[in-house]
Amino acid sequence: MGLCVACHGEDGVSRVAGTPHLAGQDGLYLRRALQDYRSGRRQHVPMSSLANSLQPADIEALAAWYASRPGFAAAGVAP
């Protein structure tokens, strides 16, 4: 998870413009996204490189952890 924090924030709420929040995302979506980066179906150099270093168990653990985090509510929008 250490590499994820640089862009997606320690708590899964990104503080980097243009980088999505992961906190509260659907676990299945996160798992599939990482698998797609790993297989090349999804293309983004930093994410593809990171995903290639992950084992299937790592992907499962990351997806479950971020899905379990409280989601991010935009200003003026109820969670």
PDB file of N, CA and C in Angstrom:
ATOM      1  N   MET A   1       0.815  -1.184   0.000  1.00  0.00           N
ATOM      2  CA  MET A   1       0.000   0.000   0.000  1.00  0.00           C
ATOM      3  C   MET A   1       0.859   1.247   0.000  1.00  0.00           C
ATOM      4  N   GLY A   2       2.107   1.119   0.347  1.00  0.00           N
ATOM      5  CA  GLY A   2       2.987   2.275   0.416  1.00  0.00           C
ATOM      6  C   GLY A   2       3.042   3.080  -0.867  1.00  0.00           C
ATOM      7  N   LEU A   3       3.074   2.403  -2.011  1.00  0.00           N
ATOM      8  CA  LEU A   3       3.132   3.122  -3.278  1.00  0.00           C
ATOM      9  C   LEU A   3       1.803   3.791  -3.606  1.00  0.00           C
ATOM     10  N   CYS A   4       0.702   3.225  -3.159  1.00  0.00           N
ATOM     11  CA  CYS A   4      -0.626   3.794  -3.432  1.00  0.00           C
ATOM     12  C   CYS A   4      -0.782   5.161  -2.767  1.00  0.00           C
ATOM     13  N   VAL A   5      -0.215   5.283  -1.570  1.00  0.00           N
ATOM     14  CA  VAL A   5      -0.363   6.483  -0.750  1.00  0.00           C
ATOM     15  C   VAL A   5       0.150   7.730  -1.453  1.00  0.00           C
ATOM     16  N   ALA A   6       1.195   7.607  -2.231  1.00  0.00           N
ATOM     17  CA  ALA A   6       1.798   8.775  -2.876  1.00  0.00           C
ATOM     18  C   ALA A   6       0.788   9.543  -3.718  1.00  0.00           C
ATOM     19  N   CYS A   7      -0.109   8.845  -4.387  1.00  0.00           N
ATOM     20  CA  CYS A   7      -1.097   9.510  -5.256  1.00  0.00           C
ATOM     21  C   CYS A   7      -2.509   9.484  -4.686  1.00  0.00           C
ATOM     22  N   HIS A   8      -2.878   8.372  -4.044  1.00  0.00           N
ATOM     23  CA  HIS A   8      -4.260   8.185  -3.602  1.00  0.00           C
ATOM     24  C   HIS A   8      -4.484   8.539  -2.141  1.00  0.00           C
ATOM     25  N   GLY A   9      -3.449   8.992  -1.436  1.00  0.00           N
ATOM     26  CA  GLY A   9      -3.596   9.415  -0.051  1.00  0.00           C
ATOM     27  C   GLY A   9      -3.536   8.261   0.931  1.00  0.00           C
ATOM     28  N   GLU A  10      -3.101   8.576   2.136  1.00  0.00           N
ATOM     29  CA  GLU A  10      -2.938   7.569   3.184  1.00  0.00           C
ATOM     30  C   GLU A  10      -4.259   6.891   3.544  1.00  0.00           C
ATOM     31  N   ASP A  11      -5.343   7.646   3.438  1.00  0.00           N
ATOM     32  CA  ASP A  11      -6.662   7.134   3.800  1.00  0.00           C
ATOM     33  C   ASP A  11      -7.526   6.810   2.582  1.00  0.00           C
ATOM     34  N   GLY A  12      -6.927   6.873   1.389  1.00  0.00           N
ATOM     35  CA  GLY A  12      -7.674   6.599   0.168  1.00  0.00           C
ATOM     36  C   GLY A  12      -8.371   7.812  -0.410  1.00  0.00           C
ATOM     37  N   VAL A  13      -8.168   8.978   0.220  1.00  0.00           N
ATOM     38  CA  VAL A  13      -8.717  10.233  -0.288  1.00  0.00           C
ATOM     39  C   VAL A  13      -7.560  10.998  -0.912  1.00  0.00           C
ATOM     40  N   SER A  14      -7.588  11.102  -2.219  1.00  0.00           N
ATOM     41  CA  SER A  14      -6.488  11.722  -2.958  1.00  0.00           C
ATOM     42  C   SER A  14      -6.403  13.213  -2.695  1.00  0.00           C
ATOM     43  N   ARG A  15      -5.183  13.691  -2.601  1.00  0.00           N
ATOM     44  CA  ARG A  15      -4.933  15.120  -2.492  1.00  0.00           C
ATOM     45  C   ARG A  15      -4.183  15.617  -3.726  1.00  0.00           C
ATOM     46  N   VAL A  16      -4.147  14.769  -4.746  1.00  0.00           N
ATOM     47  CA  VAL A  16      -3.467  15.076  -6.004  1.00  0.00           C
ATOM     48  C   VAL A  16      -4.542  15.302  -7.068  1.00  0.00           C
ATOM     49  N   ALA A  17      -4.533  16.477  -7.666  1.00  0.00           N
ATOM     50  CA  ALA A  17      -5.533  16.802  -8.685  1.00  0.00           C
ATOM     51  C   ALA A  17      -5.527  15.756  -9.802  1.00  0.00           C
ATOM     52  N   GLY A  18      -6.712  15.318 -10.187  1.00  0.00           N
ATOM     53  CA  GLY A  18      -6.839  14.357 -11.274  1.00  0.00           C
ATOM     54  C   GLY A  18      -6.670  12.907 -10.868  1.00  0.00           C
ATOM     55  N   THR A  19      -6.369  12.657  -9.600  1.00  0.00           N
ATOM     56  CA  THR A  19      -6.187  11.289  -9.112  1.00  0.00           C
ATOM     57  C   THR A  19      -7.438  10.885  -8.340  1.00  0.00           C
ATOM     58  N   PRO A  20      -8.043   9.754  -8.671  1.00  0.00           N
ATOM     59  CA  PRO A  20      -9.305   9.385  -8.019  1.00  0.00           C
ATOM     60  C   PRO A  20      -9.139   8.971  -6.560  1.00  0.00           C
ATOM     61  N   HIS A  21     -10.201   9.222  -5.812  1.00  0.00           N
ATOM     62  CA  HIS A  21     -10.287   8.725  -4.441  1.00  0.00           C
ATOM     63  C   HIS A  21     -10.567   7.224  -4.518  1.00  0.00           C
ATOM     64  N   LEU A  22      -9.958   6.454  -3.640  1.00  0.00           N
ATOM     65  CA  LEU A  22     -10.212   5.018  -3.589  1.00  0.00           C
ATOM     66  C   LEU A  22     -11.073   4.635  -2.394  1.00  0.00           C
ATOM     67  N   ALA A  23     -11.071   5.461  -1.358  1.00  0.00           N
ATOM     68  CA  ALA A  23     -11.831   5.169  -0.145  1.00  0.00           C
ATOM     69  C   ALA A  23     -13.311   5.012  -0.468  1.00  0.00           C
ATOM     70  N   GLY A  24     -13.881   3.907  -0.012  1.00  0.00           N
ATOM     71  CA  GLY A  24     -15.299   3.668  -0.181  1.00  0.00           C
ATOM     72  C   GLY A  24     -15.717   3.173  -1.555  1.00  0.00           C
ATOM     73  N   GLN A  25     -14.760   2.991  -2.456  1.00  0.00           N
ATOM     74  CA  GLN A  25     -15.093   2.457  -3.783  1.00  0.00           C
ATOM     75  C   GLN A  25     -15.517   0.992  -3.641  1.00  0.00           C
ATOM     76  N   ASP A  26     -16.288   0.532  -4.583  1.00  0.00           N
ATOM     77  CA  ASP A  26     -16.715  -0.859  -4.602  1.00  0.00           C
ATOM     78  C   ASP A  26     -15.496  -1.776  -4.750  1.00  0.00           C
ATOM     79  N   GLY A  27     -15.398  -2.772  -3.879  1.00  0.00           N
ATOM     80  CA  GLY A  27     -14.250  -3.674  -3.894  1.00  0.00           C
ATOM     81  C   GLY A  27     -14.089  -4.434  -5.197  1.00  0.00           C
ATOM     82  N   LEU A  28     -15.197  -4.868  -5.783  1.00  0.00           N
ATOM     83  CA  LEU A  28     -15.141  -5.587  -7.057  1.00  0.00           C
ATOM     84  C   LEU A  28     -14.594  -4.675  -8.154  1.00  0.00           C
ATOM     85  N   TYR A  29     -15.051  -3.431  -8.172  1.00  0.00           N
ATOM     86  CA  TYR A  29     -14.548  -2.467  -9.153  1.00  0.00           C
ATOM     87  C   TYR A  29     -13.041  -2.277  -8.995  1.00  0.00           C
ATOM     88  N   LEU A  30     -12.581  -2.087  -7.750  1.00  0.00           N
ATOM     89  CA  LEU A  30     -11.149  -1.877  -7.504  1.00  0.00           C
ATOM     90  C   LEU A  30     -10.335  -3.097  -7.922  1.00  0.00           C
ATOM     91  N   ARG A  31     -10.828  -4.277  -7.581  1.00  0.00           N
ATOM     92  CA  ARG A  31     -10.119  -5.510  -7.940  1.00  0.00           C
ATOM     93  C   ARG A  31     -10.012  -5.639  -9.462  1.00  0.00           C
ATOM     94  N   ARG A  32     -11.114  -5.409 -10.148  1.00  0.00           N
ATOM     95  CA  ARG A  32     -11.092  -5.515 -11.615  1.00  0.00           C
ATOM     96  C   ARG A  32     -10.188  -4.456 -12.238  1.00  0.00           C
ATOM     97  N   ALA A  33     -10.211  -3.252 -11.694  1.00  0.00           N
ATOM     98  CA  ALA A  33      -9.353  -2.190 -12.237  1.00  0.00           C
ATOM     99  C   ALA A  33      -7.885  -2.586 -12.117  1.00  0.00           C
ATOM    100  N   LEU A  34      -7.482  -3.080 -10.948  1.00  0.00           N
ATOM    101  CA  LEU A  34      -6.088  -3.495 -10.767  1.00  0.00           C
ATOM    102  C   LEU A  34      -5.741  -4.669 -11.681  1.00  0.00           C
ATOM    103  N   GLN A  35      -6.649  -5.615 -11.810  1.00  0.00           N
ATOM    104  CA  GLN A  35      -6.404  -6.747 -12.712  1.00  0.00           C
ATOM    105  C   GLN A  35      -6.282  -6.269 -14.159  1.00  0.00           C
ATOM    106  N   ASP A  36      -7.103  -5.294 -14.533  1.00  0.00           N
ATOM    107  CA  ASP A  36      -7.048  -4.763 -15.899  1.00  0.00           C
ATOM    108  C   ASP A  36      -5.761  -3.983 -16.149  1.00  0.00           C
ATOM    109  N   TYR A  37      -5.281  -3.236 -15.165  1.00  0.00           N
ATOM    110  CA  TYR A  37      -3.981  -2.562 -15.313  1.00  0.00           C
ATOM    111  C   TYR A  37      -2.878  -3.606 -15.460  1.00  0.00           C
ATOM    112  N   ARG A  38      -2.988  -4.666 -14.679  1.00  0.00           N
ATOM    113  CA  ARG A  38      -1.970  -5.725 -14.697  1.00  0.00           C
ATOM    114  C   ARG A  38      -1.932  -6.446 -16.039  1.00  0.00           C
ATOM    115  N   SER A  39      -3.098  -6.678 -16.632  1.00  0.00           N
ATOM    116  CA  SER A  39      -3.167  -7.424 -17.894  1.00  0.00           C
ATOM    117  C   SER A  39      -2.959  -6.541 -19.122  1.00  0.00           C
ATOM    118  N   GLY A  40      -3.032  -5.227 -18.949  1.00  0.00           N
ATOM    119  CA  GLY A  40      -2.893  -4.317 -20.080  1.00  0.00           C
ATOM    120  C   GLY A  40      -4.211  -3.893 -20.698  1.00  0.00           C
ATOM    121  N   ARG A  41      -5.331  -4.412 -20.184  1.00  0.00           N
ATOM    122  CA  ARG A  41      -6.641  -3.994 -20.700  1.00  0.00           C
ATOM    123  C   ARG A  41      -6.912  -2.529 -20.384  1.00  0.00           C
ATOM    124  N   ARG A  42      -6.323  -2.059 -19.296  1.00  0.00           N
ATOM    125  CA  ARG A  42      -6.402  -0.649 -18.921  1.00  0.00           C
ATOM    126  C   ARG A  42      -4.995  -0.103 -18.984  1.00  0.00           C
ATOM    127  N   GLN A  43      -4.839   1.102 -19.512  1.00  0.00           N
ATOM    128  CA  GLN A  43      -3.505   1.656 -19.736  1.00  0.00           C
ATOM    129  C   GLN A  43      -3.288   2.944 -18.947  1.00  0.00           C
ATOM    130  N   HIS A  44      -2.298   2.931 -18.106  1.00  0.00           N
ATOM    131  CA  HIS A  44      -1.823   4.111 -17.383  1.00  0.00           C
ATOM    132  C   HIS A  44      -0.471   3.684 -16.836  1.00  0.00           C
ATOM    133  N   VAL A  45       0.590   4.290 -17.335  1.00  0.00           N
ATOM    134  CA  VAL A  45       1.940   3.788 -17.044  1.00  0.00           C
ATOM    135  C   VAL A  45       2.192   3.587 -15.553  1.00  0.00           C
ATOM    136  N   PRO A  46       1.959   4.590 -14.685  1.00  0.00           N
ATOM    137  CA  PRO A  46       2.243   4.345 -13.263  1.00  0.00           C
ATOM    138  C   PRO A  46       1.395   3.209 -12.676  1.00  0.00           C
ATOM    139  N   MET A  47       0.104   3.169 -13.014  1.00  0.00           N
ATOM    140  CA  MET A  47      -0.759   2.129 -12.455  1.00  0.00           C
ATOM    141  C   MET A  47      -0.423   0.752 -13.022  1.00  0.00           C
ATOM    142  N   SER A  48      -0.121   0.680 -14.293  1.00  0.00           N
ATOM    143  CA  SER A  48       0.233  -0.609 -14.897  1.00  0.00           C
ATOM    144  C   SER A  48       1.507  -1.158 -14.278  1.00  0.00           C
ATOM    145  N   SER A  49       2.476  -0.294 -14.082  1.00  0.00           N
ATOM    146  CA  SER A  49       3.739  -0.703 -13.473  1.00  0.00           C
ATOM    147  C   SER A  49       3.513  -1.204 -12.050  1.00  0.00           C
ATOM    148  N   LEU A  50       2.740  -0.469 -11.287  1.00  0.00           N
ATOM    149  CA  LEU A  50       2.446  -0.863  -9.912  1.00  0.00           C
ATOM    150  C   LEU A  50       1.683  -2.186  -9.885  1.00  0.00           C
ATOM    151  N   ALA A  51       0.639  -2.298 -10.711  1.00  0.00           N
ATOM    152  CA  ALA A  51      -0.186  -3.505 -10.711  1.00  0.00           C
ATOM    153  C   ALA A  51       0.618  -4.739 -11.104  1.00  0.00           C
ATOM    154  N   ASN A  52       1.591  -4.568 -11.981  1.00  0.00           N
ATOM    155  CA  ASN A  52       2.432  -5.704 -12.380  1.00  0.00           C
ATOM    156  C   ASN A  52       3.271  -6.235 -11.233  1.00  0.00           C
ATOM    157  N   SER A  53       3.493  -5.421 -10.213  1.00  0.00           N
ATOM    158  CA  SER A  53       4.287  -5.864  -9.066  1.00  0.00           C
ATOM    159  C   SER A  53       3.429  -6.559  -8.007  1.00  0.00           C
ATOM    160  N   LEU A  54       2.109  -6.560  -8.200  1.00  0.00           N
ATOM    161  CA  LEU A  54       1.203  -7.130  -7.202  1.00  0.00           C
ATOM    162  C   LEU A  54       0.874  -8.587  -7.500  1.00  0.00           C
ATOM    163  N   GLN A  55       0.765  -9.364  -6.444  1.00  0.00           N
ATOM    164  CA  GLN A  55       0.275 -10.736  -6.531  1.00  0.00           C
ATOM    165  C   GLN A  55      -1.251 -10.698  -6.399  1.00  0.00           C
ATOM    166  N   PRO A  56      -1.954 -11.728  -6.866  1.00  0.00           N
ATOM    167  CA  PRO A  56      -3.416 -11.741  -6.730  1.00  0.00           C
ATOM    168  C   PRO A  56      -3.895 -11.490  -5.296  1.00  0.00           C
ATOM    169  N   ALA A  57      -3.200 -12.039  -4.315  1.00  0.00           N
ATOM    170  CA  ALA A  57      -3.592 -11.809  -2.916  1.00  0.00           C
ATOM    171  C   ALA A  57      -3.424 -10.342  -2.525  1.00  0.00           C
ATOM    172  N   ASP A  58      -2.407  -9.675  -3.073  1.00  0.00           N
ATOM    173  CA  ASP A  58      -2.208  -8.248  -2.812  1.00  0.00           C
ATOM    174  C   ASP A  58      -3.374  -7.441  -3.370  1.00  0.00           C
ATOM    175  N   ILE A  59      -3.796  -7.786  -4.576  1.00  0.00           N
ATOM    176  CA  ILE A  59      -4.911  -7.090  -5.221  1.00  0.00           C
ATOM    177  C   ILE A  59      -6.174  -7.257  -4.385  1.00  0.00           C
ATOM    178  N   GLU A  60      -6.430  -8.471  -3.928  1.00  0.00           N
ATOM    179  CA  GLU A  60      -7.601  -8.729  -3.079  1.00  0.00           C
ATOM    180  C   GLU A  60      -7.546  -7.892  -1.808  1.00  0.00           C
ATOM    181  N   ALA A  61      -6.384  -7.880  -1.160  1.00  0.00           N
ATOM    182  CA  ALA A  61      -6.237  -7.148   0.097  1.00  0.00           C
ATOM    183  C   ALA A  61      -6.403  -5.645  -0.103  1.00  0.00           C
ATOM    184  N   LEU A  62      -5.796  -5.098  -1.143  1.00  0.00           N
ATOM    185  CA  LEU A  62      -5.923  -3.661  -1.409  1.00  0.00           C
ATOM    186  C   LEU A  62      -7.366  -3.283  -1.711  1.00  0.00           C
ATOM    187  N   ALA A  63      -8.020  -4.058  -2.562  1.00  0.00           N
ATOM    188  CA  ALA A  63      -9.410  -3.766  -2.916  1.00  0.00           C
ATOM    189  C   ALA A  63     -10.303  -3.814  -1.678  1.00  0.00           C
ATOM    190  N   ALA A  64     -10.116  -4.812  -0.842  1.00  0.00           N
ATOM    191  CA  ALA A  64     -10.930  -4.944   0.370  1.00  0.00           C
ATOM    192  C   ALA A  64     -10.663  -3.800   1.336  1.00  0.00           C
ATOM    193  N   TRP A  65      -9.394  -3.418   1.493  1.00  0.00           N
ATOM    194  CA  TRP A  65      -9.060  -2.354   2.443  1.00  0.00           C
ATOM    195  C   TRP A  65      -9.650  -1.023   2.001  1.00  0.00           C
ATOM    196  N   TYR A  66      -9.441  -0.648   0.745  1.00  0.00           N
ATOM    197  CA  TYR A  66      -9.977   0.631   0.268  1.00  0.00           C
ATOM    198  C   TYR A  66     -11.504   0.627   0.282  1.00  0.00           C
ATOM    199  N   ALA A  67     -12.127  -0.491  -0.043  1.00  0.00           N
ATOM    200  CA  ALA A  67     -13.589  -0.576  -0.014  1.00  0.00           C
ATOM    201  C   ALA A  67     -14.126  -0.402   1.405  1.00  0.00           C
ATOM    202  N   SER A  68     -13.347  -0.796   2.398  1.00  0.00           N
ATOM    203  CA  SER A  68     -13.796  -0.704   3.792  1.00  0.00           C
ATOM    204  C   SER A  68     -13.642   0.692   4.387  1.00  0.00           C
ATOM    205  N   ARG A  69     -12.923   1.569   3.711  1.00  0.00           N
ATOM    206  CA  ARG A  69     -12.678   2.923   4.216  1.00  0.00           C
ATOM    207  C   ARG A  69     -13.916   3.786   4.012  1.00  0.00           C
ATOM    208  N   PRO A  70     -14.114   4.783   4.884  1.00  0.00           N
ATOM    209  CA  PRO A  70     -15.234   5.710   4.670  1.00  0.00           C
ATOM    210  C   PRO A  70     -15.063   6.434   3.341  1.00  0.00           C
ATOM    211  N   GLY A  71     -16.141   6.563   2.606  1.00  0.00           N
ATOM    212  CA  GLY A  71     -16.090   7.235   1.313  1.00  0.00           C
ATOM    213  C   GLY A  71     -15.870   8.727   1.446  1.00  0.00           C
ATOM    214  N   PHE A  72     -15.559   9.345   0.339  1.00  0.00           N
ATOM    215  CA  PHE A  72     -15.309  10.780   0.278  1.00  0.00           C
ATOM    216  C   PHE A  72     -16.569  11.465  -0.225  1.00  0.00           C
ATOM    217  N   ALA A  73     -17.066  12.430   0.538  1.00  0.00           N
ATOM    218  CA  ALA A  73     -18.239  13.193   0.107  1.00  0.00           C
ATOM    219  C   ALA A  73     -17.784  14.555  -0.391  1.00  0.00           C
ATOM    220  N   ALA A  74     -18.192  14.897  -1.589  1.00  0.00           N
ATOM    221  CA  ALA A  74     -17.859  16.215  -2.135  1.00  0.00           C
ATOM    222  C   ALA A  74     -18.592  17.285  -1.336  1.00  0.00           C
ATOM    223  N   ALA A  75     -18.043  18.477  -1.311  1.00  0.00           N
ATOM    224  CA  ALA A  75     -18.657  19.583  -0.581  1.00  0.00           C
ATOM    225  C   ALA A  75     -20.084  19.794  -1.070  1.00  0.00           C
ATOM    226  N   GLY A  76     -21.018  19.868  -0.135  1.00  0.00           N
ATOM    227  CA  GLY A  76     -22.405  20.113  -0.481  1.00  0.00           C
ATOM    228  C   GLY A  76     -23.173  18.884  -0.929  1.00  0.00           C
ATOM    229  N   VAL A  77     -22.539  17.727  -0.878  1.00  0.00           N
ATOM    230  CA  VAL A  77     -23.192  16.488  -1.299  1.00  0.00           C
ATOM    231  C   VAL A  77     -23.224  15.533  -0.117  1.00  0.00           C
ATOM    232  N   ALA A  78     -24.406  15.065   0.232  1.00  0.00           N
ATOM    233  CA  ALA A  78     -24.524  14.124   1.347  1.00  0.00           C
ATOM    234  C   ALA A  78     -23.922  12.789   0.952  1.00  0.00           C
ATOM    235  N   PRO A  79     -23.217  12.127   1.884  1.00  0.00           N
ATOM    236  CA  PRO A  79     -22.610  10.827   1.559  1.00  0.00           C
ATOM    237  C   PRO A  79     -23.651   9.753   1.316  1.00  0.00           C
TER     238      PRO A  79
END
